[in-house]
Amino acid sequence: MVYREDNEQPEGTIDTWLPEGKKVTFTPVMGSGKKFAAKVGAQGKVSFELNDKNSFAFYQLRSENHENTINNNGIMIKSLRFVFLALFVALQFVAYGQPAERLVQVQVTPDHTNWLYKPGEK
């Protein structure tokens, strides 16, 4: 969103996260802005222009490789879903692999040092 206050400067710059030299298109969604294309300058800056004082423009920003970005993000999201599902399943195995704690515990202790008993011996 770009806003021009009551001043004599119709031009300004926007700081973006985009790399220098990237070609982008700004399409107005709301306000008095006009569609324009620009190249990203140093430190991600893009120049814009709003002719009327106290005006604003809400832009949709599209880069030249927008479709590839969407496809890569879709693959990454699917990969993350798979990783989280695998983690969830692995945690279920760990949780069910432990014996359930009971109120009564039975402990068997030998009265012979070597654990060897003859049949019928108590």
N, C-alpha and C. Protein backbone atom coordinates (compact mmCIF):
# COMPACT_ATOMS: atom_id res chain seq x y z
N MET A 1 0.85 -1.17 0.00
CA MET A 1 0.00 0.00 0.00
C MET A 1 0.90 1.23 0.00
N VAL A 2 0.59 2.17 -0.85
CA VAL A 2 1.36 3.40 -0.97
C VAL A 2 0.43 4.57 -0.67
N TYR A 3 0.91 5.53 0.13
CA TYR A 3 0.11 6.69 0.50
C TYR A 3 0.92 7.96 0.27
N ARG A 4 0.30 8.94 -0.40
CA ARG A 4 0.94 10.24 -0.59
C ARG A 4 0.21 11.25 0.27
N GLU A 5 0.97 11.92 1.14
CA GLU A 5 0.38 12.94 2.01
C GLU A 5 0.25 14.26 1.25
N ASP A 6 -0.13 15.30 1.95
CA ASP A 6 -0.31 16.63 1.36
C ASP A 6 1.06 17.28 1.20
N ASN A 7 1.76 16.88 0.11
CA ASN A 7 3.08 17.46 -0.16
C ASN A 7 3.25 17.65 -1.66
N GLU A 8 4.37 18.22 -2.05
CA GLU A 8 4.62 18.55 -3.46
C GLU A 8 5.43 17.47 -4.17
N GLN A 9 5.59 16.31 -3.60
CA GLN A 9 6.40 15.26 -4.20
C GLN A 9 5.52 14.11 -4.69
N PRO A 10 5.25 14.05 -6.00
CA PRO A 10 4.43 12.96 -6.52
C PRO A 10 5.18 11.63 -6.62
N GLU A 11 6.53 11.69 -6.57
CA GLU A 11 7.33 10.47 -6.70
C GLU A 11 7.95 10.07 -5.37
N GLY A 12 8.18 8.78 -5.23
CA GLY A 12 8.81 8.26 -4.03
C GLY A 12 9.37 6.88 -4.31
N THR A 13 9.89 6.25 -3.28
CA THR A 13 10.42 4.89 -3.43
C THR A 13 9.81 3.97 -2.38
N ILE A 14 9.74 2.70 -2.74
CA ILE A 14 9.26 1.66 -1.83
C ILE A 14 10.43 0.73 -1.58
N ASP A 15 10.63 0.35 -0.33
CA ASP A 15 11.64 -0.65 0.00
C ASP A 15 10.99 -2.02 -0.09
N THR A 16 11.60 -2.93 -0.86
CA THR A 16 11.07 -4.28 -1.01
C THR A 16 12.12 -5.29 -0.56
N TRP A 17 11.75 -6.54 -0.57
CA TRP A 17 12.64 -7.65 -0.24
C TRP A 17 13.24 -8.26 -1.51
N LEU A 18 12.91 -7.72 -2.65
CA LEU A 18 13.32 -8.30 -3.93
C LEU A 18 14.78 -7.98 -4.26
N PRO A 19 15.44 -8.87 -5.02
CA PRO A 19 16.83 -8.63 -5.39
C PRO A 19 16.96 -7.55 -6.46
N GLU A 20 18.08 -6.89 -6.44
CA GLU A 20 18.35 -5.82 -7.41
C GLU A 20 18.29 -6.36 -8.83
N GLY A 21 17.66 -5.60 -9.74
CA GLY A 21 17.57 -5.98 -11.14
C GLY A 21 16.33 -6.79 -11.49
N LYS A 22 15.56 -7.24 -10.52
CA LYS A 22 14.35 -8.03 -10.76
C LYS A 22 13.28 -7.14 -11.40
N LYS A 23 12.60 -7.65 -12.41
CA LYS A 23 11.56 -6.91 -13.09
C LYS A 23 10.22 -7.22 -12.43
N VAL A 24 9.47 -6.19 -12.03
CA VAL A 24 8.19 -6.38 -11.35
C VAL A 24 7.11 -5.51 -11.99
N THR A 25 5.87 -5.97 -11.87
CA THR A 25 4.71 -5.23 -12.38
C THR A 25 3.81 -4.92 -11.20
N PHE A 26 3.40 -3.65 -11.08
CA PHE A 26 2.49 -3.20 -10.04
C PHE A 26 1.12 -2.96 -10.68
N THR A 27 0.11 -3.70 -10.21
CA THR A 27 -1.24 -3.54 -10.72
C THR A 27 -2.10 -3.00 -9.59
N PRO A 28 -2.76 -1.82 -9.79
CA PRO A 28 -3.57 -1.26 -8.71
C PRO A 28 -4.81 -2.10 -8.44
N VAL A 29 -5.08 -2.35 -7.17
CA VAL A 29 -6.27 -3.08 -6.75
C VAL A 29 -7.30 -2.09 -6.22
N MET A 30 -6.83 -1.07 -5.50
CA MET A 30 -7.69 -0.01 -4.97
C MET A 30 -6.93 1.31 -5.04
N GLY A 31 -7.65 2.40 -5.00
CA GLY A 31 -7.03 3.71 -4.95
C GLY A 31 -6.82 4.33 -6.32
N SER A 32 -5.97 5.36 -6.36
CA SER A 32 -5.79 6.14 -7.59
C SER A 32 -4.47 5.83 -8.30
N GLY A 33 -3.87 4.70 -8.01
CA GLY A 33 -2.61 4.34 -8.66
C GLY A 33 -2.83 3.84 -10.08
N LYS A 34 -1.77 3.86 -10.88
CA LYS A 34 -1.81 3.36 -12.25
C LYS A 34 -0.87 2.16 -12.36
N LYS A 35 -1.20 1.27 -13.28
CA LYS A 35 -0.36 0.09 -13.50
C LYS A 35 0.98 0.53 -14.08
N PHE A 36 2.06 -0.07 -13.55
CA PHE A 36 3.39 0.24 -14.08
C PHE A 36 4.32 -0.93 -13.84
N ALA A 37 5.37 -0.96 -14.64
CA ALA A 37 6.42 -1.97 -14.49
C ALA A 37 7.70 -1.25 -14.10
N ALA A 38 8.52 -1.91 -13.31
CA ALA A 38 9.76 -1.29 -12.85
C ALA A 38 10.80 -2.36 -12.61
N LYS A 39 12.05 -1.93 -12.59
CA LYS A 39 13.16 -2.78 -12.20
C LYS A 39 13.56 -2.42 -10.79
N VAL A 40 13.83 -3.41 -9.98
CA VAL A 40 14.22 -3.18 -8.60
C VAL A 40 15.62 -2.59 -8.59
N GLY A 41 15.77 -1.51 -7.84
CA GLY A 41 17.06 -0.84 -7.74
C GLY A 41 17.89 -1.36 -6.59
N ALA A 42 18.90 -0.58 -6.24
CA ALA A 42 19.81 -0.96 -5.15
C ALA A 42 19.04 -1.11 -3.84
N GLN A 43 19.39 -2.12 -3.07
CA GLN A 43 18.81 -2.41 -1.76
C GLN A 43 17.29 -2.63 -1.83
N GLY A 44 16.80 -3.13 -2.97
CA GLY A 44 15.39 -3.49 -3.11
C GLY A 44 14.45 -2.32 -3.30
N LYS A 45 14.95 -1.16 -3.68
CA LYS A 45 14.09 0.03 -3.83
C LYS A 45 13.42 0.05 -5.21
N VAL A 46 12.12 0.44 -5.20
CA VAL A 46 11.35 0.60 -6.43
C VAL A 46 10.70 1.98 -6.41
N SER A 47 10.80 2.72 -7.52
CA SER A 47 10.21 4.06 -7.60
C SER A 47 8.75 3.97 -8.02
N PHE A 48 7.93 4.88 -7.49
CA PHE A 48 6.51 4.94 -7.84
C PHE A 48 6.08 6.40 -7.96
N GLU A 49 4.85 6.60 -8.43
CA GLU A 49 4.33 7.96 -8.59
C GLU A 49 2.83 7.98 -8.30
N LEU A 50 2.42 8.91 -7.44
CA LEU A 50 1.01 9.20 -7.20
C LEU A 50 0.81 10.69 -7.44
N ASN A 51 0.00 11.05 -8.43
CA ASN A 51 -0.12 12.44 -8.85
C ASN A 51 -0.95 13.30 -7.91
N ASP A 52 -1.97 12.75 -7.26
CA ASP A 52 -2.87 13.55 -6.42
C ASP A 52 -2.39 13.58 -4.97
N LYS A 53 -2.51 14.77 -4.34
CA LYS A 53 -2.19 14.89 -2.92
C LYS A 53 -3.21 14.10 -2.12
N ASN A 54 -2.79 13.60 -0.97
CA ASN A 54 -3.65 12.81 -0.07
C ASN A 54 -4.32 11.64 -0.81
N SER A 55 -3.56 10.96 -1.63
CA SER A 55 -4.10 9.81 -2.36
C SER A 55 -3.36 8.55 -1.93
N PHE A 56 -3.92 7.41 -2.32
CA PHE A 56 -3.29 6.15 -1.97
C PHE A 56 -3.49 5.17 -3.12
N ALA A 57 -2.72 4.11 -3.08
CA ALA A 57 -2.88 3.02 -4.03
C ALA A 57 -2.51 1.72 -3.33
N PHE A 58 -3.30 0.72 -3.55
CA PHE A 58 -3.03 -0.62 -3.04
C PHE A 58 -2.70 -1.46 -4.25
N TYR A 59 -1.44 -1.96 -4.34
CA TYR A 59 -0.97 -2.67 -5.52
C TYR A 59 -0.84 -4.16 -5.30
N GLN A 60 -1.08 -4.89 -6.39
CA GLN A 60 -0.70 -6.31 -6.45
C GLN A 60 0.64 -6.34 -7.16
N LEU A 61 1.61 -6.99 -6.57
CA LEU A 61 2.97 -7.03 -7.10
C LEU A 61 3.23 -8.40 -7.73
N ARG A 62 3.70 -8.41 -8.97
CA ARG A 62 4.04 -9.67 -9.65
C ARG A 62 5.45 -9.55 -10.20
N SER A 63 6.25 -10.58 -9.92
CA SER A 63 7.61 -10.61 -10.47
C SER A 63 7.58 -11.38 -11.78
N GLU A 64 8.66 -11.28 -12.54
CA GLU A 64 8.69 -11.93 -13.86
C GLU A 64 8.67 -13.45 -13.76
N ASN A 65 9.12 -14.03 -12.66
CA ASN A 65 9.12 -15.49 -12.48
C ASN A 65 8.06 -15.92 -11.49
N HIS A 66 6.91 -15.25 -11.49
CA HIS A 66 5.86 -15.50 -10.50
C HIS A 66 5.35 -16.94 -10.54
N GLU A 67 5.11 -17.48 -11.73
CA GLU A 67 4.57 -18.83 -11.83
C GLU A 67 5.55 -19.86 -11.28
N ASN A 68 6.84 -19.70 -11.58
CA ASN A 68 7.85 -20.64 -11.06
C ASN A 68 7.91 -20.58 -9.54
N THR A 69 7.77 -19.38 -8.99
CA THR A 69 7.80 -19.23 -7.54
C THR A 69 6.64 -19.99 -6.91
N ILE A 70 5.45 -19.87 -7.51
CA ILE A 70 4.27 -20.57 -6.98
C ILE A 70 4.49 -22.07 -7.05
N ASN A 71 5.01 -22.58 -8.15
CA ASN A 71 5.24 -24.01 -8.27
C ASN A 71 6.25 -24.50 -7.24
N ASN A 72 7.34 -23.75 -7.06
CA ASN A 72 8.34 -24.15 -6.08
C ASN A 72 7.76 -24.12 -4.67
N ASN A 73 6.95 -23.10 -4.36
CA ASN A 73 6.34 -23.03 -3.04
C ASN A 73 5.37 -24.18 -2.83
N GLY A 74 4.62 -24.56 -3.87
CA GLY A 74 3.70 -25.68 -3.76
C GLY A 74 4.42 -26.97 -3.47
N ILE A 75 5.55 -27.18 -4.12
CA ILE A 75 6.34 -28.40 -3.88
C ILE A 75 6.88 -28.37 -2.46
N MET A 76 7.34 -27.20 -2.02
CA MET A 76 7.89 -27.10 -0.67
C MET A 76 6.80 -27.36 0.37
N ILE A 77 5.60 -26.84 0.16
CA ILE A 77 4.51 -27.06 1.11
C ILE A 77 4.15 -28.54 1.17
N LYS A 78 4.09 -29.21 0.02
CA LYS A 78 3.79 -30.64 0.01
C LYS A 78 4.89 -31.42 0.73
N SER A 79 6.13 -31.02 0.54
CA SER A 79 7.24 -31.69 1.22
C SER A 79 7.14 -31.50 2.73
N LEU A 80 6.81 -30.29 3.17
CA LEU A 80 6.68 -30.03 4.60
C LEU A 80 5.52 -30.83 5.19
N ARG A 81 4.42 -30.94 4.47
CA ARG A 81 3.30 -31.75 4.94
C ARG A 81 3.73 -33.20 5.14
N PHE A 82 4.49 -33.73 4.19
CA PHE A 82 4.96 -35.10 4.30
C PHE A 82 5.88 -35.27 5.50
N VAL A 83 6.77 -34.32 5.73
CA VAL A 83 7.70 -34.41 6.86
C VAL A 83 6.92 -34.39 8.17
N PHE A 84 5.94 -33.48 8.28
CA PHE A 84 5.15 -33.42 9.51
C PHE A 84 4.33 -34.69 9.72
N LEU A 85 3.79 -35.25 8.66
CA LEU A 85 3.04 -36.50 8.76
C LEU A 85 3.96 -37.63 9.22
N ALA A 86 5.15 -37.72 8.65
CA ALA A 86 6.10 -38.76 9.03
C ALA A 86 6.51 -38.59 10.49
N LEU A 87 6.74 -37.37 10.93
CA LEU A 87 7.08 -37.11 12.32
C LEU A 87 5.95 -37.52 13.26
N PHE A 88 4.72 -37.21 12.88
CA PHE A 88 3.56 -37.56 13.69
C PHE A 88 3.45 -39.08 13.83
N VAL A 89 3.60 -39.79 12.72
CA VAL A 89 3.52 -41.25 12.75
C VAL A 89 4.65 -41.83 13.61
N ALA A 90 5.85 -41.30 13.47
CA ALA A 90 6.98 -41.79 14.26
C ALA A 90 6.74 -41.57 15.75
N LEU A 91 6.18 -40.43 16.11
CA LEU A 91 5.89 -40.16 17.52
C LEU A 91 4.83 -41.10 18.06
N GLN A 92 3.89 -41.51 17.21
CA GLN A 92 2.87 -42.46 17.65
C GLN A 92 3.51 -43.80 17.99
N PHE A 93 4.46 -44.25 17.19
CA PHE A 93 5.14 -45.51 17.48
C PHE A 93 5.91 -45.43 18.80
N VAL A 94 6.55 -44.31 19.05
CA VAL A 94 7.29 -44.14 20.29
C VAL A 94 6.33 -44.14 21.48
N ALA A 95 5.21 -43.45 21.33
CA ALA A 95 4.25 -43.36 22.43
C ALA A 95 3.64 -44.72 22.75
N TYR A 96 3.32 -45.51 21.74
CA TYR A 96 2.70 -46.81 21.97
C TYR A 96 3.74 -47.90 22.26
N GLY A 97 5.01 -47.65 22.05
CA GLY A 97 6.05 -48.64 22.30
C GLY A 97 6.37 -48.80 23.78
N GLN A 98 5.96 -47.84 24.59
CA GLN A 98 6.22 -47.91 26.02
C GLN A 98 5.08 -48.66 26.71
N PRO A 99 5.41 -49.48 27.72
CA PRO A 99 4.33 -50.17 28.44
C PRO A 99 3.51 -49.17 29.24
N ALA A 100 2.22 -49.42 29.32
CA ALA A 100 1.35 -48.53 30.07
C ALA A 100 1.63 -48.68 31.56
N GLU A 101 1.62 -47.60 32.28
CA GLU A 101 1.84 -47.64 33.73
C GLU A 101 0.58 -48.15 34.40
N ARG A 102 0.77 -49.07 35.35
CA ARG A 102 -0.38 -49.67 36.03
C ARG A 102 -0.32 -49.29 37.50
N LEU A 103 -1.46 -49.40 38.15
CA LEU A 103 -1.51 -49.11 39.58
C LEU A 103 -0.81 -50.19 40.40
N VAL A 104 -0.87 -51.43 39.92
CA VAL A 104 -0.22 -52.54 40.62
C VAL A 104 1.00 -52.97 39.80
N GLN A 105 2.16 -52.99 40.43
CA GLN A 105 3.36 -53.42 39.74
C GLN A 105 3.81 -54.76 40.33
N VAL A 106 4.12 -55.71 39.46
CA VAL A 106 4.61 -57.02 39.88
C VAL A 106 6.10 -57.06 39.62
N GLN A 107 6.87 -57.31 40.65
CA GLN A 107 8.32 -57.41 40.50
C GLN A 107 8.73 -58.84 40.87
N VAL A 108 9.49 -59.45 40.00
CA VAL A 108 9.97 -60.81 40.23
C VAL A 108 11.44 -60.70 40.60
N THR A 109 11.78 -61.24 41.75
CA THR A 109 13.18 -61.24 42.19
C THR A 109 13.57 -62.68 42.52
N PRO A 110 14.72 -63.12 42.10
CA PRO A 110 15.15 -64.51 42.35
C PRO A 110 15.67 -64.68 43.77
N ASP A 111 15.50 -65.88 44.30
CA ASP A 111 16.14 -66.17 45.58
C ASP A 111 17.37 -67.05 45.36
N HIS A 112 17.65 -67.35 44.09
CA HIS A 112 18.89 -68.03 43.70
C HIS A 112 19.76 -66.99 42.99
N THR A 113 21.03 -67.00 43.19
CA THR A 113 21.91 -66.01 42.57
C THR A 113 22.07 -66.19 41.08
N ASN A 114 21.85 -67.43 40.56
CA ASN A 114 22.06 -67.66 39.14
C ASN A 114 20.77 -67.82 38.34
N TRP A 115 19.62 -67.65 38.92
CA TRP A 115 18.30 -67.75 38.28
C TRP A 115 18.00 -69.16 37.78
N LEU A 116 18.71 -70.14 38.17
CA LEU A 116 18.47 -71.51 37.70
C LEU A 116 17.63 -72.26 38.73
N TYR A 117 16.52 -72.82 38.29
CA TYR A 117 15.62 -73.58 39.15
C TYR A 117 15.39 -74.96 38.54
N LYS A 118 15.13 -75.93 39.37
CA LYS A 118 14.78 -77.26 38.91
C LYS A 118 13.27 -77.32 38.73
N PRO A 119 12.79 -78.19 37.83
CA PRO A 119 11.35 -78.27 37.63
C PRO A 119 10.63 -78.61 38.94
N GLY A 120 9.56 -77.87 39.23
CA GLY A 120 8.75 -78.06 40.42
C GLY A 120 9.30 -77.36 41.65
N GLU A 121 10.51 -76.79 41.58
CA GLU A 121 11.10 -76.10 42.73
C GLU A 121 10.43 -74.75 42.94
N LYS A 122 10.18 -74.42 44.20
CA LYS A 122 9.53 -73.14 44.50
C LYS A 122 10.49 -72.19 45.16
